[in-house]
Amino acid sequence: MAAREIQSTKTATEADVTQPSSSLRGELSAVEACEQSIAKIDDEPTLRAELEGCRLSHQRRAAILG
């Protein structure tokens, strides 16, 4: 029974490590998507400002996860 508990703990630990890594990749992808969209917007200052806010939010989360 003890071996099962150890294996279960190991699996949970591996999942804990994988999740932040996956979340970090997602946040970095979101930053890149925002940057690409911002680069294409010239004549919509309100939309551009909104996207810049989203980009900043994703950058902050990436910094926390990284």
Protein backbone atom coordinates (compact mmCIF):
# COMPACT_ATOMS: atom_id res chain seq x y z
CA MET A 1 0.00 0.00 0.00
CA ALA A 2 2.85 2.42 0.75
CA ALA A 3 4.24 1.98 -2.78
CA ARG A 4 0.88 3.00 -4.22
CA GLU A 5 0.82 6.13 -2.11
CA ILE A 6 4.33 7.08 -3.24
CA GLN A 7 3.43 6.49 -6.89
CA SER A 8 0.28 8.56 -6.48
CA THR A 9 2.28 11.39 -4.91
CA LYS A 10 4.84 11.28 -7.71
CA THR A 11 2.11 11.52 -10.33
CA ALA A 12 0.53 14.50 -8.57
CA THR A 13 3.92 16.23 -8.37
CA GLU A 14 4.58 15.67 -12.08
CA ALA A 15 1.15 17.09 -12.88
CA ASP A 16 1.88 20.12 -10.69
CA VAL A 17 5.09 20.80 -12.64
CA THR A 18 3.47 20.26 -16.05
CA GLN A 19 0.53 22.58 -15.43
CA PRO A 20 2.53 25.78 -14.79
CA SER A 21 4.73 25.02 -17.78
CA SER A 22 1.66 24.61 -19.97
CA SER A 23 0.14 27.76 -18.52
CA LEU A 24 3.35 29.70 -19.15
CA ARG A 25 3.41 28.58 -22.78
CA GLY A 26 -0.20 29.68 -23.14
CA GLU A 27 0.50 33.11 -21.68
CA LEU A 28 3.55 33.60 -23.91
CA SER A 29 1.49 32.59 -26.94
CA ALA A 30 -1.18 35.10 -25.95
CA VAL A 31 1.45 37.85 -25.66
CA GLU A 32 2.70 37.03 -29.14
CA ALA A 33 -0.83 36.99 -30.58
CA CYS A 34 -1.56 40.38 -29.02
CA GLU A 35 1.68 41.82 -30.41
CA GLN A 36 0.86 40.56 -33.90
CA SER A 37 -2.62 42.06 -33.73
CA ILE A 38 -1.36 45.38 -32.37
CA ALA A 39 1.13 45.62 -35.24
CA LYS A 40 -1.74 45.38 -37.75
CA ILE A 41 -3.92 48.07 -36.18
CA ASP A 42 -3.23 51.67 -37.15
CA ASP A 43 -6.58 53.41 -37.36
CA GLU A 44 -8.37 52.08 -34.25
CA PRO A 45 -6.76 53.66 -31.16
CA THR A 46 -9.42 52.29 -28.79
CA LEU A 47 -8.98 48.73 -30.03
CA ARG A 48 -5.20 49.10 -29.99
CA ALA A 49 -5.30 50.32 -26.37
CA GLU A 50 -7.51 47.38 -25.40
CA LEU A 51 -5.12 44.91 -27.00
CA GLU A 52 -2.14 46.56 -25.32
CA GLY A 53 -3.91 46.12 -21.98
CA CYS A 54 -4.49 42.45 -22.75
CA ARG A 55 -0.84 42.03 -23.77
CA LEU A 56 0.33 43.61 -20.53
CA SER A 57 -1.97 41.36 -18.52
CA HIS A 58 -0.61 38.25 -20.25
CA GLN A 59 2.98 39.49 -19.75
CA ARG A 60 2.37 39.89 -16.03
CA ARG A 61 0.95 36.39 -15.71
CA ALA A 62 3.87 34.96 -17.71
CA ALA A 63 6.31 36.71 -15.37
CA ILE A 64 4.56 35.20 -12.35
CA LEU A 65 4.57 31.71 -13.87
CA GLY A 66 8.10 31.96 -15.26
